C-alpha atoms as a PDB file:
ATOM      1  CA  MET A   1      24.675  23.102   1.279  1.00  0.00           C
ATOM      2  CA  ILE A   2      23.531  26.725   0.763  1.00  0.00           C
ATOM      3  CA  ASN A   3      26.873  28.483   0.352  1.00  0.00           C
ATOM      4  CA  ASP A   4      27.644  32.153   0.979  1.00  0.00           C
ATOM      5  CA  ALA A   5      27.306  33.132  -2.709  1.00  0.00           C
ATOM      6  CA  VAL A   6      23.778  31.679  -2.857  1.00  0.00           C
ATOM      7  CA  LYS A   7      22.879  33.316   0.464  1.00  0.00           C
ATOM      8  CA  GLU A   8      24.067  36.633  -0.956  1.00  0.00           C
ATOM      9  CA  ALA A   9      21.972  36.098  -4.098  1.00  0.00           C
ATOM     10  CA  TRP A  10      18.962  35.192  -1.891  1.00  0.00           C
ATOM     11  CA  GLY A  11      19.360  38.525  -0.125  1.00  0.00           C
ATOM     12  CA  LYS A  12      19.160  40.294  -3.492  1.00  0.00           C
ATOM     13  CA  ARG A  13      16.142  38.408  -4.844  1.00  0.00           C
ATOM     14  CA  GLU A  14      13.320  40.338  -6.450  1.00  0.00           C
ATOM     15  CA  GLY A  15       9.662  39.474  -6.348  1.00  0.00           C
ATOM     16  CA  PRO A  16       8.150  36.245  -5.123  1.00  0.00           C
ATOM     17  CA  ILE A  17       9.846  32.878  -5.306  1.00  0.00           C
ATOM     18  CA  VAL A  18       8.313  30.018  -7.265  1.00  0.00           C
ATOM     19  CA  LEU A  19       7.698  26.716  -5.438  1.00  0.00           C
ATOM     20  CA  ALA A  20       7.108  23.607  -7.542  1.00  0.00           C
ATOM     21  CA  THR A  21       5.734  20.290  -6.260  1.00  0.00           C
ATOM     22  CA  VAL A  22       4.362  17.159  -7.913  1.00  0.00           C
ATOM     23  CA  GLY A  23       1.166  15.299  -7.060  1.00  0.00           C
ATOM     24  CA  SER A  24       1.076  11.551  -6.459  1.00  0.00           C
ATOM     25  CA  ASP A  25      -0.415  11.193  -9.958  1.00  0.00           C
ATOM     26  CA  GLY A  26       2.542  13.050 -11.507  1.00  0.00           C
ATOM     27  CA  THR A  27       0.704  16.349 -12.010  1.00  0.00           C
ATOM     28  CA  PRO A  28       2.972  19.350 -11.389  1.00  0.00           C
ATOM     29  CA  ASN A  29       1.859  22.279  -9.253  1.00  0.00           C
ATOM     30  CA  ILE A  30       3.580  25.661  -9.102  1.00  0.00           C
ATOM     31  CA  ILE A  31       2.864  28.603  -6.786  1.00  0.00           C
ATOM     32  CA  TYR A  32       4.273  32.050  -6.125  1.00  0.00           C
ATOM     33  CA  ALA A  33       5.279  32.642  -2.513  1.00  0.00           C
ATOM     34  CA  THR A  34       6.375  35.800  -0.740  1.00  0.00           C
ATOM     35  CA  CYS A  35       6.474  34.581   2.870  1.00  0.00           C
ATOM     36  CA  VAL A  36       9.834  32.803   2.673  1.00  0.00           C
ATOM     37  CA  SER A  37      13.130  32.558   4.515  1.00  0.00           C
ATOM     38  CA  LEU A  38      16.336  30.556   4.704  1.00  0.00           C
ATOM     39  CA  TYR A  39      16.703  28.285   7.711  1.00  0.00           C
ATOM     40  CA  GLY A  40      20.174  27.119   8.632  1.00  0.00           C
ATOM     41  CA  ASN A  41      22.512  26.162   5.812  1.00  0.00           C
ATOM     42  CA  ASP A  42      20.269  23.674   4.063  1.00  0.00           C
ATOM     43  CA  ARG A  43      16.614  24.757   4.046  1.00  0.00           C
ATOM     44  CA  VAL A  44      14.324  27.208   2.309  1.00  0.00           C
ATOM     45  CA  VAL A  45      11.140  27.680   4.315  1.00  0.00           C
ATOM     46  CA  VAL A  46       7.813  28.732   2.816  1.00  0.00           C
ATOM     47  CA  ALA A  47       4.947  29.643   5.141  1.00  0.00           C
ATOM     48  CA  ASP A  48       1.807  27.614   4.494  1.00  0.00           C
ATOM     49  CA  ASN A  49      -0.671  30.412   4.647  1.00  0.00           C
ATOM     50  CA  TYR A  50      -3.085  29.249   1.975  1.00  0.00           C
ATOM     51  CA  PHE A  51      -1.747  25.974   0.538  1.00  0.00           C
ATOM     52  CA  ASP A  52      -4.120  23.388  -0.869  1.00  0.00           C
ATOM     53  CA  LYS A  53      -2.623  21.316  -3.698  1.00  0.00           C
ATOM     54  CA  THR A  54       0.869  22.218  -2.491  1.00  0.00           C
ATOM     55  CA  ARG A  55       0.103  20.823   0.981  1.00  0.00           C
ATOM     56  CA  LYS A  56      -1.404  17.643  -0.484  1.00  0.00           C
ATOM     57  CA  ASN A  57       1.642  17.152  -2.696  1.00  0.00           C
ATOM     58  CA  ILE A  58       4.064  17.631   0.202  1.00  0.00           C
ATOM     59  CA  MET A  59       2.098  15.210   2.355  1.00  0.00           C
ATOM     60  CA  SER A  60       2.205  12.621  -0.454  1.00  0.00           C
ATOM     61  CA  GLY A  61       6.024  12.720  -0.447  1.00  0.00           C
ATOM     62  CA  SER A  62       6.710  15.155  -3.281  1.00  0.00           C
ATOM     63  CA  LYS A  63      10.174  16.477  -3.909  1.00  0.00           C
ATOM     64  CA  GLY A  64      10.268  20.161  -4.741  1.00  0.00           C
ATOM     65  CA  SER A  65      12.059  23.029  -6.362  1.00  0.00           C
ATOM     66  CA  VAL A  66      12.366  26.713  -5.488  1.00  0.00           C
ATOM     67  CA  LEU A  67      13.204  29.266  -8.154  1.00  0.00           C
ATOM     68  CA  PHE A  68      14.190  32.863  -7.454  1.00  0.00           C
ATOM     69  CA  ILE A  69      15.620  35.722  -9.489  1.00  0.00           C
ATOM     70  CA  THR A  70      18.024  38.379  -8.229  1.00  0.00           C
ATOM     71  CA  ASP A  71      17.876  42.101  -8.828  1.00  0.00           C
ATOM     72  CA  LYS A  72      20.392  41.526 -11.661  1.00  0.00           C
ATOM     73  CA  GLY A  73      18.211  38.916 -13.371  1.00  0.00           C
ATOM     74  CA  GLU A  74      20.256  35.915 -12.227  1.00  0.00           C
ATOM     75  CA  ALA A  75      18.116  32.800 -11.757  1.00  0.00           C
ATOM     76  CA  TYR A  76      18.746  30.237  -9.018  1.00  0.00           C
ATOM     77  CA  GLN A  77      16.945  26.944  -8.613  1.00  0.00           C
ATOM     78  CA  LEU A  78      17.191  24.866  -5.438  1.00  0.00           C
ATOM     79  CA  LYS A  79      15.951  21.269  -5.508  1.00  0.00           C
ATOM     80  CA  GLY A  80      15.364  18.732  -2.775  1.00  0.00           C
ATOM     81  CA  LEU A  81      13.087  16.947  -0.367  1.00  0.00           C
ATOM     82  CA  LEU A  82      10.132  18.685   1.241  1.00  0.00           C
ATOM     83  CA  GLU A  83       9.253  18.620   4.922  1.00  0.00           C
ATOM     84  CA  TYR A  84       6.060  19.894   6.548  1.00  0.00           C
ATOM     85  CA  HIS A  85       6.347  21.317  10.068  1.00  0.00           C
ATOM     86  CA  LYS A  86       3.296  22.050  12.234  1.00  0.00           C
ATOM     87  CA  SER A  87       5.418  22.411  15.375  1.00  0.00           C
ATOM     88  CA  GLY A  88       9.056  22.467  16.410  1.00  0.00           C
ATOM     89  CA  PRO A  89      11.989  24.791  15.647  1.00  0.00           C
ATOM     90  CA  VAL A  90      11.343  25.329  11.916  1.00  0.00           C
ATOM     91  CA  PHE A  91       7.673  26.119  12.587  1.00  0.00           C
ATOM     92  CA  GLU A  92       8.528  28.475  15.474  1.00  0.00           C
ATOM     93  CA  ASP A  93      11.071  30.301  13.315  1.00  0.00           C
ATOM     94  CA  MET A  94       8.455  30.759  10.565  1.00  0.00           C
ATOM     95  CA  LYS A  95       6.010  32.236  13.074  1.00  0.00           C
ATOM     96  CA  LYS A  96       8.607  34.950  13.868  1.00  0.00           C
ATOM     97  CA  TRP A  97       8.857  36.305  10.300  1.00  0.00           C
ATOM     98  CA  ASN A  98       5.510  35.389   8.739  1.00  0.00           C
ATOM     99  CA  PRO A  99       3.254  38.489   8.668  1.00  0.00           C
ATOM    100  CA  LYS A 100       0.699  38.437  11.483  1.00  0.00           C
ATOM    101  CA  GLU A 101      -2.188  38.969   9.053  1.00  0.00           C
ATOM    102  CA  HIS A 102      -1.517  35.514   7.557  1.00  0.00           C
ATOM    103  CA  PRO A 103      -2.422  32.291   9.392  1.00  0.00           C
ATOM    104  CA  GLY A 104       0.971  30.527   9.239  1.00  0.00           C
ATOM    105  CA  ASN A 105      -0.662  27.099   9.329  1.00  0.00           C
ATOM    106  CA  ALA A 106       2.669  25.311   8.927  1.00  0.00           C
ATOM    107  CA  ALA A 107       6.177  25.676   7.542  1.00  0.00           C
ATOM    108  CA  ALA A 108       7.115  23.865   4.343  1.00  0.00           C
ATOM    109  CA  ALA A 109      10.868  23.332   4.252  1.00  0.00           C
ATOM    110  CA  LEU A 110      12.800  22.424   1.130  1.00  0.00           C
ATOM    111  CA  VAL A 111      15.878  20.473   2.244  1.00  0.00           C
ATOM    112  CA  VAL A 112      18.319  21.510  -0.454  1.00  0.00           C
ATOM    113  CA  GLU A 113      20.092  18.707  -2.326  1.00  0.00           C
ATOM    114  CA  ALA A 114      21.191  20.614  -5.444  1.00  0.00           C
ATOM    115  CA  ILE A 115      21.539  24.247  -6.504  1.00  0.00           C
ATOM    116  CA  TYR A 116      21.630  25.555 -10.059  1.00  0.00           C
ATOM    117  CA  SER A 117      22.468  28.985 -11.406  1.00  0.00           C
ATOM    118  CA  GLY A 118      20.784  28.998 -14.774  1.00  0.00           C
ATOM    119  CA  SER A 119      21.587  25.574 -16.201  1.00  0.00           C
ATOM    120  CA  LYS A 120      24.877  25.209 -14.283  1.00  0.00           C
ATOM    121  CA  LEU A 121      24.993  22.940 -11.213  1.00  0.00           C
ATOM    122  CA  ILE A 122      26.803  24.979  -8.553  1.00  0.00           C
ATOM    123  CA  ALA A 123      26.279  22.755  -5.508  1.00  0.00           C
ATOM    124  CA  PRO A 124      25.896  19.813  -3.982  1.00  0.00           C
END
Protein backbone atom coordinates (compact mmCIF):
# COMPACT_ATOMS: atom_id res chain seq x y z
CA MET A 1 0.00 0.00 0.00
CA ILE A 2 2.77 2.51 0.86
CA ASN A 3 4.56 2.78 -2.47
CA ASP A 4 8.16 3.83 -3.08
CA ALA A 5 7.25 7.46 -3.91
CA VAL A 6 5.43 7.85 -0.58
CA LYS A 7 8.29 6.15 1.27
CA GLU A 8 10.68 8.61 -0.35
CA ALA A 9 8.46 11.54 0.68
CA TRP A 10 8.29 10.11 4.24
CA GLY A 11 12.08 10.16 4.35
CA LYS A 12 12.02 13.86 3.46
CA ARG A 13 9.33 14.90 5.95
CA GLU A 14 9.88 17.96 8.10
CA GLY A 15 8.68 18.47 11.63
CA PRO A 16 6.23 16.30 13.50
CA ILE A 17 3.43 14.34 11.89
CA VAL A 18 -0.19 15.00 12.79
CA LEU A 19 -2.30 12.04 14.00
CA ALA A 20 -6.08 12.43 13.97
CA THR A 21 -8.56 10.14 15.73
CA VAL A 22 -12.26 10.36 16.58
CA GLY A 23 -13.92 9.64 19.91
CA SER A 24 -16.92 7.34 20.25
CA ASP A 25 -19.07 10.48 20.59
CA GLY A 26 -17.78 11.84 17.27
CA THR A 27 -15.38 14.38 18.80
CA PRO A 28 -12.16 14.69 16.78
CA ASN A 29 -8.76 14.66 18.45
CA ILE A 30 -5.50 15.71 16.80
CA ILE A 31 -1.94 15.43 18.15
CA TYR A 32 1.57 16.17 16.95
CA ALA A 33 3.91 13.19 17.10
CA THR A 34 7.65 12.95 16.55
CA CYS A 35 8.29 9.34 17.59
CA VAL A 36 7.10 7.70 14.37
CA SER A 37 8.20 5.14 11.81
CA LEU A 38 6.98 3.12 8.86
CA TYR A 39 6.45 -0.58 9.48
CA GLY A 40 6.34 -2.88 6.48
CA ASN A 41 4.50 -1.66 3.40
CA ASP A 42 1.20 -0.80 5.04
CA ARG A 43 1.64 0.76 8.49
CA VAL A 44 2.66 4.03 10.09
CA VAL A 45 3.58 3.49 13.73
CA VAL A 46 3.34 6.16 16.41
CA ALA A 47 4.83 5.48 19.84
CA ASP A 48 2.33 5.90 22.66
CA ASN A 49 4.51 7.83 25.01
CA TYR A 50 1.91 10.14 26.50
CA PHE A 51 -1.44 9.37 24.84
CA ASP A 52 -4.67 9.93 26.71
CA LYS A 53 -7.60 10.84 24.45
CA THR A 54 -5.78 9.31 21.48
CA ARG A 55 -5.47 5.97 23.31
CA LYS A 56 -9.14 6.06 24.35
CA ASN A 57 -10.19 6.80 20.78
CA ILE A 58 -8.09 3.96 19.36
CA MET A 59 -9.46 1.54 21.94
CA SER A 60 -13.02 2.58 21.01
CA GLY A 61 -12.41 1.56 17.38
CA SER A 62 -11.52 4.90 15.81
CA LYS A 63 -10.19 5.10 12.30
CA GLY A 64 -7.35 7.56 11.89
CA SER A 65 -5.36 9.80 9.63
CA VAL A 66 -1.69 10.79 9.55
CA LEU A 67 -0.60 14.00 7.88
CA PHE A 68 3.00 14.90 7.10
CA ILE A 69 4.74 17.58 5.06
CA THR A 70 7.98 17.17 3.11
CA ASP A 71 10.93 19.52 3.00
CA LYS A 72 9.44 20.88 -0.26
CA GLY A 73 6.06 21.63 1.33
CA GLU A 74 4.26 18.65 -0.20
CA ALA A 75 1.47 17.34 2.03
CA TYR A 76 0.60 13.65 2.33
CA GLN A 77 -2.33 12.21 4.22
CA LEU A 78 -2.63 8.50 5.01
CA LYS A 79 -5.97 7.15 6.23
CA GLY A 80 -6.98 3.82 7.68
CA LEU A 81 -7.72 1.59 10.62
CA LEU A 82 -5.85 1.93 13.89
CA GLU A 83 -4.30 -0.91 15.87
CA TYR A 84 -2.87 -0.75 19.39
CA HIS A 85 0.06 -3.04 20.18
CA LYS A 86 1.30 -3.63 23.73
CA SER A 87 3.38 -6.64 22.68
CA GLY A 88 4.41 -8.49 19.54
CA PRO A 89 6.48 -7.54 16.48
CA VAL A 90 5.11 -4.01 15.93
CA PHE A 91 5.62 -3.16 19.61
CA GLU A 92 9.14 -4.64 19.65
CA ASP A 93 10.07 -2.67 16.53
CA MET A 94 8.83 0.56 18.16
CA LYS A 95 10.96 -0.12 21.23
CA LYS A 96 14.05 -0.17 18.96
CA TRP A 97 13.60 3.37 17.60
CA ASN A 98 11.61 5.15 20.31
CA PRO A 99 13.98 7.35 22.38
CA LYS A 100 14.90 5.70 25.68
CA GLU A 101 13.84 8.78 27.66
CA HIS A 102 10.21 8.14 26.62
CA PRO A 103 8.14 5.31 28.11
CA GLY A 104 6.98 3.63 24.87
CA ASN A 105 3.81 2.34 26.51
CA ALA A 106 2.52 0.87 23.25
CA ALA A 107 2.66 1.22 19.48
CA ALA A 108 -0.29 2.72 17.63
CA ALA A 109 -0.28 1.49 14.04
CA LEU A 110 -2.28 3.10 11.26
CA VAL A 111 -3.04 0.37 8.71
CA VAL A 112 -3.07 2.43 5.54
CA GLU A 113 -6.15 2.12 3.32
CA ALA A 114 -5.80 5.32 1.28
CA ILE A 115 -3.07 7.87 0.55
CA TYR A 116 -3.58 11.43 -0.65
CA SER A 117 -1.11 13.98 -1.93
CA GLY A 118 -2.90 17.24 -1.37
CA SER A 119 -6.45 16.53 -2.51
CA LYS A 120 -5.42 13.85 -5.04
CA LEU A 121 -5.95 10.17 -4.16
CA ILE A 122 -2.68 8.46 -5.10
CA ALA A 123 -3.26 5.00 -3.62
CA PRO A 124 -5.17 2.41 -2.73
